[in-house]
PDB file of N, CA and C in Angstrom:
ATOM      1  N   UNK A   1       4.034  18.722  12.226  1.00  0.00           N
ATOM      2  CA  UNK A   1       4.745  18.770  11.622  1.00  0.00           C
ATOM      3  C   UNK A   1       6.296  17.634  11.596  1.00  0.00           C
ATOM      4  N   UNK A   2       6.773  16.645  10.620  1.00  0.00           N
ATOM      5  CA  UNK A   2       7.938  15.813  10.892  1.00  0.00           C
ATOM      6  C   UNK A   2       9.175  16.617  10.309  1.00  0.00           C
ATOM      7  N   UNK A   3      10.218  16.557  10.836  1.00  0.00           N
ATOM      8  CA  UNK A   3      11.646  16.973  10.831  1.00  0.00           C
ATOM      9  C   UNK A   3      12.318  16.344  10.796  1.00  0.00           C
ATOM     10  N   UNK A   4      12.304  15.851   9.420  1.00  0.00           N
ATOM     11  CA  UNK A   4      13.471  14.493   8.829  1.00  0.00           C
ATOM     12  C   UNK A   4      15.043  14.920   8.842  1.00  0.00           C
ATOM     13  N   UNK A   5      14.794  16.348   8.076  1.00  0.00           N
ATOM     14  CA  UNK A   5      16.005  16.574   7.261  1.00  0.00           C
ATOM     15  C   UNK A   5      16.773  17.867   7.992  1.00  0.00           C
ATOM     16  N   UNK A   6      16.481  18.055   9.226  1.00  0.00           N
ATOM     17  CA  UNK A   6      16.866  19.513  10.019  1.00  0.00           C
ATOM     18  C   UNK A   6      17.960  19.055  10.979  1.00  0.00           C
ATOM     19  N   UNK A   7      19.125  19.645  10.938  1.00  0.00           N
ATOM     20  CA  UNK A   7      19.829  19.448  11.790  1.00  0.00           C
ATOM     21  C   UNK A   7      19.502  20.342  13.079  1.00  0.00           C
ATOM     22  N   UNK A   8      19.759  19.756  14.344  1.00  0.00           N
ATOM     23  CA  UNK A   8      19.553  20.248  15.641  1.00  0.00           C
ATOM     24  C   UNK A   8      20.378  20.642  15.944  1.00  0.00           C
ATOM     25  N   UNK A   9      20.327  21.613  17.422  1.00  0.00           N
ATOM     26  CA  UNK A   9      21.426  22.240  18.010  1.00  0.00           C
ATOM     27  C   UNK A   9      21.011  22.062  19.445  1.00  0.00           C
ATOM     28  N   UNK A  10      21.885  21.816  20.298  1.00  0.00           N
ATOM     29  CA  UNK A  10      21.802  21.493  21.678  1.00  0.00           C
ATOM     30  C   UNK A  10      22.621  22.668  22.463  1.00  0.00           C
ATOM     31  N   UNK A  11      22.360  23.298  23.289  1.00  0.00           N
ATOM     32  CA  UNK A  11      23.153  24.342  24.172  1.00  0.00           C
ATOM     33  C   UNK A  11      22.963  23.841  26.010  1.00  0.00           C
ATOM     34  N   UNK A  12      24.006  23.327  26.448  1.00  0.00           N
ATOM     35  CA  UNK A  12      23.734  22.562  27.626  1.00  0.00           C
ATOM     36  C   UNK A  12      24.324  24.232  28.857  1.00  0.00           C
ATOM     37  N   UNK A  13      23.904  23.656  30.000  1.00  0.00           N
ATOM     38  CA  UNK A  13      24.137  24.970  31.060  1.00  0.00           C
ATOM     39  C   UNK A  13      25.233  25.315  31.162  1.00  0.00           C
ATOM     40  N   UNK A  14      26.446  24.862  30.686  1.00  0.00           N
ATOM     41  CA  UNK A  14      27.551  25.267  30.581  1.00  0.00           C
ATOM     42  C   UNK A  14      28.001  26.464  29.404  1.00  0.00           C
ATOM     43  N   UNK A  15      27.242  26.258  28.220  1.00  0.00           N
ATOM     44  CA  UNK A  15      26.869  26.876  27.326  1.00  0.00           C
ATOM     45  C   UNK A  15      27.876  26.433  26.087  1.00  0.00           C
ATOM     46  N   UNK A  16      27.678  25.389  26.333  1.00  0.00           N
ATOM     47  CA  UNK A  16      28.467  24.109  25.308  1.00  0.00           C
ATOM     48  C   UNK A  16      27.284  23.954  24.136  1.00  0.00           C
ATOM     49  N   UNK A  17      27.898  23.990  22.811  1.00  0.00           N
ATOM     50  CA  UNK A  17      26.799  23.729  22.001  1.00  0.00           C
ATOM     51  C   UNK A  17      27.254  22.336  21.215  1.00  0.00           C
ATOM     52  N   UNK A  18      25.933  21.567  20.616  1.00  0.00           N
ATOM     53  CA  UNK A  18      26.286  20.280  20.240  1.00  0.00           C
ATOM     54  C   UNK A  18      25.321  20.256  19.164  1.00  0.00           C
ATOM     55  N   UNK A  19      26.076  19.677  17.708  1.00  0.00           N
ATOM     56  CA  UNK A  19      25.273  19.948  16.735  1.00  0.00           C
ATOM     57  C   UNK A  19      25.088  18.353  16.508  1.00  0.00           C
ATOM     58  N   UNK A  20      23.586  18.179  16.182  1.00  0.00           N
ATOM     59  CA  UNK A  20      23.325  16.801  16.307  1.00  0.00           C
ATOM     60  C   UNK A  20      22.682  16.519  14.389  1.00  0.00           C
ATOM     61  N   UNK A  21      23.229  15.331  13.917  1.00  0.00           N
ATOM     62  CA  UNK A  21      22.892  14.833  12.824  1.00  0.00           C
ATOM     63  C   UNK A  21      21.113  15.187  12.912  1.00  0.00           C
ATOM     64  N   UNK A  22      20.515  15.003  11.209  1.00  0.00           N
ATOM     65  CA  UNK A  22      19.142  15.113  11.184  1.00  0.00           C
ATOM     66  C   UNK A  22      18.653  13.614  12.059  1.00  0.00           C
ATOM     67  N   UNK A  23      17.361  13.320  11.998  1.00  0.00           N
ATOM     68  CA  UNK A  23      16.816  12.278  12.467  1.00  0.00           C
ATOM     69  C   UNK A  23      16.902  10.992  11.883  1.00  0.00           C
ATOM     70  N   UNK A  24      16.727  11.169  10.445  1.00  0.00           N
ATOM     71  CA  UNK A  24      16.855   9.960   9.389  1.00  0.00           C
ATOM     72  C   UNK A  24      18.069   9.480   9.784  1.00  0.00           C
ATOM     73  N   UNK A  25      19.289  10.330   9.913  1.00  0.00           N
ATOM     74  CA  UNK A  25      20.685   9.653  10.384  1.00  0.00           C
ATOM     75  C   UNK A  25      20.787   9.063  11.569  1.00  0.00           C
ATOM     76  N   UNK A  26      20.317   9.751  12.483  1.00  0.00           N
ATOM     77  CA  UNK A  26      20.388   9.271  13.725  1.00  0.00           C
ATOM     78  C   UNK A  26      19.921   7.680  14.055  1.00  0.00           C
ATOM     79  N   UNK A  27      18.897   7.288  12.895  1.00  0.00           N
ATOM     80  CA  UNK A  27      18.026   6.228  13.133  1.00  0.00           C
ATOM     81  C   UNK A  27      18.918   5.149  12.433  1.00  0.00           C
ATOM     82  N   UNK A  28      19.209   5.491  11.533  1.00  0.00           N
ATOM     83  CA  UNK A  28      20.196   4.826  10.344  1.00  0.00           C
ATOM     84  C   UNK A  28      21.286   4.237  11.454  1.00  0.00           C
ATOM     85  N   UNK A  29      21.882   4.920  12.270  1.00  0.00           N
ATOM     86  CA  UNK A  29      22.998   4.662  13.080  1.00  0.00           C
ATOM     87  C   UNK A  29      22.545   3.794  14.235  1.00  0.00           C
ATOM     88  N   UNK A  30      20.881   4.068  14.432  1.00  0.00           N
ATOM     89  CA  UNK A  30      20.643   3.143  16.060  1.00  0.00           C
ATOM     90  C   UNK A  30      20.490   1.719  15.482  1.00  0.00           C
ATOM     91  N   UNK A  31      19.615   1.696  14.011  1.00  0.00           N
ATOM     92  CA  UNK A  31      19.389   0.016  13.401  1.00  0.00           C
ATOM     93  C   UNK A  31      20.546  -0.393  13.034  1.00  0.00           C
ATOM     94  N   UNK A  32      21.548  -0.046  12.491  1.00  0.00           N
ATOM     95  CA  UNK A  32      22.758  -0.449  12.069  1.00  0.00           C
ATOM     96  C   UNK A  32      22.729  -1.119  10.222  1.00  0.00           C
ATOM     97  N   UNK A  33      23.622  -1.886  10.083  1.00  0.00           N
ATOM     98  CA  UNK A  33      23.388  -2.047   8.475  1.00  0.00           C
ATOM     99  C   UNK A  33      22.040  -2.844   8.078  1.00  0.00           C
ATOM    100  N   UNK A  34      21.849  -2.973   6.740  1.00  0.00           N
ATOM    101  CA  UNK A  34      20.905  -3.610   6.327  1.00  0.00           C
ATOM    102  C   UNK A  34      20.936  -4.763   6.857  1.00  0.00           C
ATOM    103  N   UNK A  35      22.251  -5.766   6.498  1.00  0.00           N
ATOM    104  CA  UNK A  35      22.287  -6.979   6.197  1.00  0.00           C
ATOM    105  C   UNK A  35      23.090  -6.933   8.247  1.00  0.00           C
ATOM    106  N   UNK A  36      22.152  -8.088   9.029  1.00  0.00           N
ATOM    107  CA  UNK A  36      22.436  -8.428  10.227  1.00  0.00           C
ATOM    108  C   UNK A  36      23.877  -9.088  10.168  1.00  0.00           C
ATOM    109  N   UNK A  37      24.264  -9.895   9.488  1.00  0.00           N
ATOM    110  CA  UNK A  37      25.691 -10.594   9.708  1.00  0.00           C
ATOM    111  C   UNK A  37      26.923  -9.296   9.606  1.00  0.00           C
ATOM    112  N   UNK A  38      26.547  -8.229   8.914  1.00  0.00           N
ATOM    113  CA  UNK A  38      27.559  -6.715   8.708  1.00  0.00           C
ATOM    114  C   UNK A  38      27.529  -6.346   9.967  1.00  0.00           C
ATOM    115  N   UNK A  39      26.220  -5.844  10.234  1.00  0.00           N
ATOM    116  CA  UNK A  39      25.863  -5.332  11.520  1.00  0.00           C
ATOM    117  C   UNK A  39      26.300  -5.624  12.493  1.00  0.00           C
ATOM    118  N   UNK A  40      26.490  -7.382  12.813  1.00  0.00           N
ATOM    119  CA  UNK A  40      27.008  -7.648  13.755  1.00  0.00           C
ATOM    120  C   UNK A  40      28.506  -7.234  14.091  1.00  0.00           C
ATOM    121  N   UNK A  41      29.162  -7.441  12.933  1.00  0.00           N
ATOM    122  CA  UNK A  41      30.883  -7.148  13.175  1.00  0.00           C
ATOM    123  C   UNK A  41      31.110  -5.549  13.233  1.00  0.00           C
ATOM    124  N   UNK A  42      30.043  -4.690  12.200  1.00  0.00           N
ATOM    125  CA  UNK A  42      30.821  -3.376  12.440  1.00  0.00           C
ATOM    126  C   UNK A  42      29.622  -2.499  13.652  1.00  0.00           C
ATOM    127  N   UNK A  43      28.900  -3.007  14.050  1.00  0.00           N
ATOM    128  CA  UNK A  43      28.007  -2.320  15.262  1.00  0.00           C
ATOM    129  C   UNK A  43      27.273  -3.238  16.085  1.00  0.00           C
ATOM    130  N   UNK A  44      27.621  -3.897  16.825  1.00  0.00           N
ATOM    131  CA  UNK A  44      27.383  -5.082  17.345  1.00  0.00           C
ATOM    132  C   UNK A  44      26.194  -4.435  18.843  1.00  0.00           C
ATOM    133  N   UNK A  45      26.100  -3.254  18.768  1.00  0.00           N
ATOM    134  CA  UNK A  45      24.966  -2.612  19.730  1.00  0.00           C
ATOM    135  C   UNK A  45      23.912  -2.292  18.511  1.00  0.00           C
ATOM    136  N   UNK A  46      23.799  -2.279  18.001  1.00  0.00           N
ATOM    137  CA  UNK A  46      22.915  -1.728  17.032  1.00  0.00           C
ATOM    138  C   UNK A  46      21.398  -2.756  17.040  1.00  0.00           C
ATOM    139  N   UNK A  47      20.560  -2.564  16.496  1.00  0.00           N
ATOM    140  CA  UNK A  47      19.082  -3.086  17.135  1.00  0.00           C
ATOM    141  C   UNK A  47      19.011  -4.227  15.621  1.00  0.00           C
ATOM    142  N   UNK A  48      19.762  -3.956  14.337  1.00  0.00           N
ATOM    143  CA  UNK A  48      19.726  -4.974  13.763  1.00  0.00           C
ATOM    144  C   UNK A  48      20.465  -6.083  13.662  1.00  0.00           C
ATOM    145  N   UNK A  49      21.835  -5.768  14.484  1.00  0.00           N
ATOM    146  CA  UNK A  49      22.668  -6.760  14.688  1.00  0.00           C
ATOM    147  C   UNK A  49      22.404  -7.658  16.220  1.00  0.00           C
ATOM    148  N   UNK A  50      21.189  -7.019  16.886  1.00  0.00           N
ATOM    149  CA  UNK A  50      20.749  -7.560  17.907  1.00  0.00           C
ATOM    150  C   UNK A  50      19.515  -8.454  17.512  1.00  0.00           C
ATOM    151  N   UNK A  51      18.708  -8.234  16.989  1.00  0.00           N
ATOM    152  CA  UNK A  51      17.268  -8.711  16.525  1.00  0.00           C
ATOM    153  C   UNK A  51      17.352  -8.645  14.932  1.00  0.00           C
ATOM    154  N   UNK A  52      17.927  -8.592  14.383  1.00  0.00           N
ATOM    155  CA  UNK A  52      17.955  -8.980  12.632  1.00  0.00           C
ATOM    156  C   UNK A  52      18.229 -10.640  12.652  1.00  0.00           C
ATOM    157  N   UNK A  53      18.093 -11.185  11.231  1.00  0.00           N
ATOM    158  CA  UNK A  53      18.173 -12.120  11.082  1.00  0.00           C
ATOM    159  C   UNK A  53      18.455 -12.637   9.850  1.00  0.00           C
ATOM    160  N   UNK A  54      17.884 -12.125   9.125  1.00  0.00           N
ATOM    161  CA  UNK A  54      19.070 -11.907   7.518  1.00  0.00           C
ATOM    162  C   UNK A  54      18.701 -10.867   6.977  1.00  0.00           C
ATOM    163  N   UNK A  55      19.056 -10.282   5.585  1.00  0.00           N
ATOM    164  CA  UNK A  55      18.570  -9.203   4.946  1.00  0.00           C
ATOM    165  C   UNK A  55      16.934  -8.800   4.850  1.00  0.00           C
ATOM    166  N   UNK A  56      16.067  -9.847   4.717  1.00  0.00           N
ATOM    167  CA  UNK A  56      15.005 -10.035   4.164  1.00  0.00           C
ATOM    168  C   UNK A  56      14.476  -9.645   5.639  1.00  0.00           C
ATOM    169  N   UNK A  57      14.707 -10.379   7.067  1.00  0.00           N
ATOM    170  CA  UNK A  57      14.241 -10.318   8.141  1.00  0.00           C
ATOM    171  C   UNK A  57      14.814  -9.299   9.058  1.00  0.00           C
ATOM    172  N   UNK A  58      15.411  -8.039   8.602  1.00  0.00           N
ATOM    173  CA  UNK A  58      16.235  -7.520   9.401  1.00  0.00           C
ATOM    174  C   UNK A  58      15.643  -6.447  10.177  1.00  0.00           C
ATOM    175  N   UNK A  59      14.327  -6.703  10.646  1.00  0.00           N
ATOM    176  CA  UNK A  59      13.225  -5.940  11.793  1.00  0.00           C
ATOM    177  C   UNK A  59      13.049  -4.460  11.901  1.00  0.00           C
ATOM    178  N   UNK A  60      14.003  -3.678  11.230  1.00  0.00           N
ATOM    179  CA  UNK A  60      13.736  -2.496  11.107  1.00  0.00           C
ATOM    180  C   UNK A  60      13.688  -1.641  10.060  1.00  0.00           C
ATOM    181  N   UNK A  61      12.907  -0.721   9.555  1.00  0.00           N
ATOM    182  CA  UNK A  61      12.834   0.071   8.366  1.00  0.00           C
ATOM    183  C   UNK A  61      13.477   1.618   8.691  1.00  0.00           C
ATOM    184  N   UNK A  62      14.784   2.042   7.841  1.00  0.00           N
ATOM    185  CA  UNK A  62      15.065   3.308   7.565  1.00  0.00           C
ATOM    186  C   UNK A  62      15.456   3.824   6.290  1.00  0.00           C
ATOM    187  N   UNK A  63      15.112   5.134   6.261  1.00  0.00           N
ATOM    188  CA  UNK A  63      14.933   5.841   4.672  1.00  0.00           C
ATOM    189  C   UNK A  63      16.651   6.037   4.542  1.00  0.00           C
ATOM    190  N   UNK A  64      16.863   5.869   3.437  1.00  0.00           N
ATOM    191  CA  UNK A  64      18.497   6.066   2.652  1.00  0.00           C
ATOM    192  C   UNK A  64      18.813   7.446   3.022  1.00  0.00           C
ATOM    193  N   UNK A  65      17.523   8.448   2.841  1.00  0.00           N
ATOM    194  CA  UNK A  65      17.960   9.929   2.317  1.00  0.00           C
ATOM    195  C   UNK A  65      16.820  10.873   2.861  1.00  0.00           C
ATOM    196  N   UNK A  66      16.487  12.158   3.458  1.00  0.00           N
ATOM    197  CA  UNK A  66      15.262  12.932   3.788  1.00  0.00           C
ATOM    198  C   UNK A  66      14.520  12.828   2.456  1.00  0.00           C
ATOM    199  N   UNK A  67      14.553  13.282   1.559  1.00  0.00           N
ATOM    200  CA  UNK A  67      13.444  12.853   0.607  1.00  0.00           C
ATOM    201  C   UNK A  67      12.993  11.603   0.514  1.00  0.00           C
ATOM    202  N   UNK A  68      13.707  10.739   0.532  1.00  0.00           N
ATOM    203  CA  UNK A  68      12.932   9.510   0.618  1.00  0.00           C
ATOM    204  C   UNK A  68      12.342   9.139   2.053  1.00  0.00           C
ATOM    205  N   UNK A  69      12.562   9.589   2.967  1.00  0.00           N
ATOM    206  CA  UNK A  69      11.602   9.191   4.243  1.00  0.00           C
ATOM    207  C   UNK A  69      10.449  10.091   3.869  1.00  0.00           C
ATOM    208  N   UNK A  70      10.508  11.543   3.405  1.00  0.00           N
ATOM    209  CA  UNK A  70       9.382  11.821   2.990  1.00  0.00           C
ATOM    210  C   UNK A  70       8.341  11.056   2.174  1.00  0.00           C
ATOM    211  N   UNK A  71       9.121  10.852   1.071  1.00  0.00           N
ATOM    212  CA  UNK A  71       8.406   9.506   0.337  1.00  0.00           C
ATOM    213  C   UNK A  71       7.460   8.769   0.843  1.00  0.00           C
ATOM    214  N   UNK A  72       8.433   7.931   1.703  1.00  0.00           N
ATOM    215  CA  UNK A  72       7.931   6.757   2.406  1.00  0.00           C
ATOM    216  C   UNK A  72       6.875   6.981   3.379  1.00  0.00           C
ATOM    217  N   UNK A  73       7.181   8.406   3.893  1.00  0.00           N
ATOM    218  CA  UNK A  73       6.364   8.197   5.360  1.00  0.00           C
ATOM    219  C   UNK A  73       4.356   8.164   5.028  1.00  0.00           C
ATOM    220  N   UNK A  74       4.257   8.672   3.624  1.00  0.00           N
ATOM    221  CA  UNK A  74       2.800   7.867   3.593  1.00  0.00           C
ATOM    222  C   UNK A  74       2.407   6.480   3.401  1.00  0.00           C
ATOM    223  N   UNK A  75       3.371   5.871   3.276  1.00  0.00           N
ATOM    224  CA  UNK A  75       3.441   4.192   3.179  1.00  0.00           C
ATOM    225  C   UNK A  75       2.944   3.735   4.700  1.00  0.00           C
ATOM    226  N   UNK A  76       3.732   4.409   5.699  1.00  0.00           N
ATOM    227  CA  UNK A  76       3.372   4.031   7.201  1.00  0.00           C
ATOM    228  C   UNK A  76       2.671   4.526   7.832  1.00  0.00           C
ATOM    229  N   UNK A  77       1.782   5.614   7.573  1.00  0.00           N
ATOM    230  CA  UNK A  77       0.465   6.141   7.854  1.00  0.00           C
ATOM    231  C   UNK A  77      -0.549   5.614   8.286  1.00  0.00           C
ATOM    232  N   UNK A  78      -1.256   5.576   9.165  1.00  0.00           N
ATOM    233  CA  UNK A  78      -2.378   4.210   9.317  1.00  0.00           C
ATOM    234  C   UNK A  78      -3.636   5.662   9.386  1.00  0.00           C
ATOM    235  N   UNK A  79      -4.733   5.568   9.075  1.00  0.00           N
ATOM    236  CA  UNK A  79      -5.653   7.000   9.177  1.00  0.00           C
ATOM    237  C   UNK A  79      -6.432   6.606  10.509  1.00  0.00           C
ATOM    238  N   UNK A  80      -7.005   7.881  11.067  1.00  0.00           N
ATOM    239  CA  UNK A  80      -7.027   7.971  12.481  1.00  0.00           C
ATOM    240  C   UNK A  80      -8.882   7.193  12.387  1.00  0.00           C
ATOM    241  N   UNK A  81      -8.865   6.613  13.341  1.00  0.00           N
ATOM    242  CA  UNK A  81     -10.368   6.011  13.545  1.00  0.00           C
ATOM    243  C   UNK A  81     -11.478   6.898  13.490  1.00  0.00           C
ATOM    244  N   UNK A  82     -12.762   6.853  13.224  1.00  0.00           N
ATOM    245  CA  UNK A  82     -13.389   7.464  12.986  1.00  0.00           C
ATOM    246  C   UNK A  82     -14.199   7.356  14.600  1.00  0.00           C
ATOM    247  N   UNK A  83     -14.774   8.735  14.784  1.00  0.00           N
ATOM    248  CA  UNK A  83     -14.874   8.982  15.935  1.00  0.00           C
ATOM    249  C   UNK A  83     -16.920   8.058  16.178  1.00  0.00           C
ATOM    250  N   UNK A  84     -16.651   6.944  17.231  1.00  0.00           N
ATOM    251  CA  UNK A  84     -17.997   6.182  17.449  1.00  0.00           C
ATOM    252  C   UNK A  84     -18.285   7.264  18.482  1.00  0.00           C
ATOM    253  N   UNK A  85     -19.669   7.637  18.259  1.00  0.00           N
ATOM    254  CA  UNK A  85     -20.793   7.879  19.393  1.00  0.00           C
ATOM    255  C   UNK A  85     -21.183   6.419  20.199  1.00  0.00           C
ATOM    256  N   UNK A  86     -21.201   6.347  21.292  1.00  0.00           N
ATOM    257  CA  UNK A  86     -21.659   5.584  22.245  1.00  0.00           C
ATOM    258  C   UNK A  86     -22.832   6.170  23.028  1.00  0.00           C
ATOM    259  N   UNK A  87     -24.031   5.439  22.655  1.00  0.00           N
ATOM    260  CA  UNK A  87     -25.339   5.897  22.921  1.00  0.00           C
ATOM    261  C   UNK A  87     -25.399   4.690  24.344  1.00  0.00           C
ATOM    262  N   UNK A  88     -25.987   5.016  25.677  1.00  0.00           N
ATOM    263  CA  UNK A  88     -26.228   4.356  26.630  1.00  0.00           C
ATOM    264  C   UNK A  88     -27.677   4.069  26.717  1.00  0.00           C
ATOM    265  N   UNK A  89     -27.966   2.824  26.947  1.00  0.00           N
ATOM    266  CA  UNK A  89     -29.339   2.575  27.107  1.00  0.00           C
ATOM    267  C   UNK A  89     -29.645   2.608  28.512  1.00  0.00           C
ATOM    268  N   UNK A  90     -31.015   3.618  28.959  1.00  0.00           N
ATOM    269  CA  UNK A  90     -31.163   3.874  30.290  1.00  0.00           C
ATOM    270  C   UNK A  90     -32.857   3.762  30.725  1.00  0.00           C
TER     271      UNK A  90
END
C-alpha cells in the first residue's frame, strides 16, 4: 500500500509527539523548486539546487498534490519480470 496523503505521527521515548507532513510534501521539500536557479537561492541544500541544470533538466520528479501522485504513480511503475525456469544440463 502506498501512503501518499497520510499525515504521520511519531512519539519519542520522552512522550513528545511530532506530526509529519504527508510523504509527497516532504519529498517536494527535499527536491526543491522546479527551477534549479530559484532552488539555488531559496533552498541551496535541495537536490535540484545541487544537481539540477535548468527547468527541463531539473533531475527529479515530484507531484504537486496527493491526487496527482496517485494518478502519476502508474506512469513510473515497471512490470515485474516473468519468472524464468532454469534448466540445468546433467
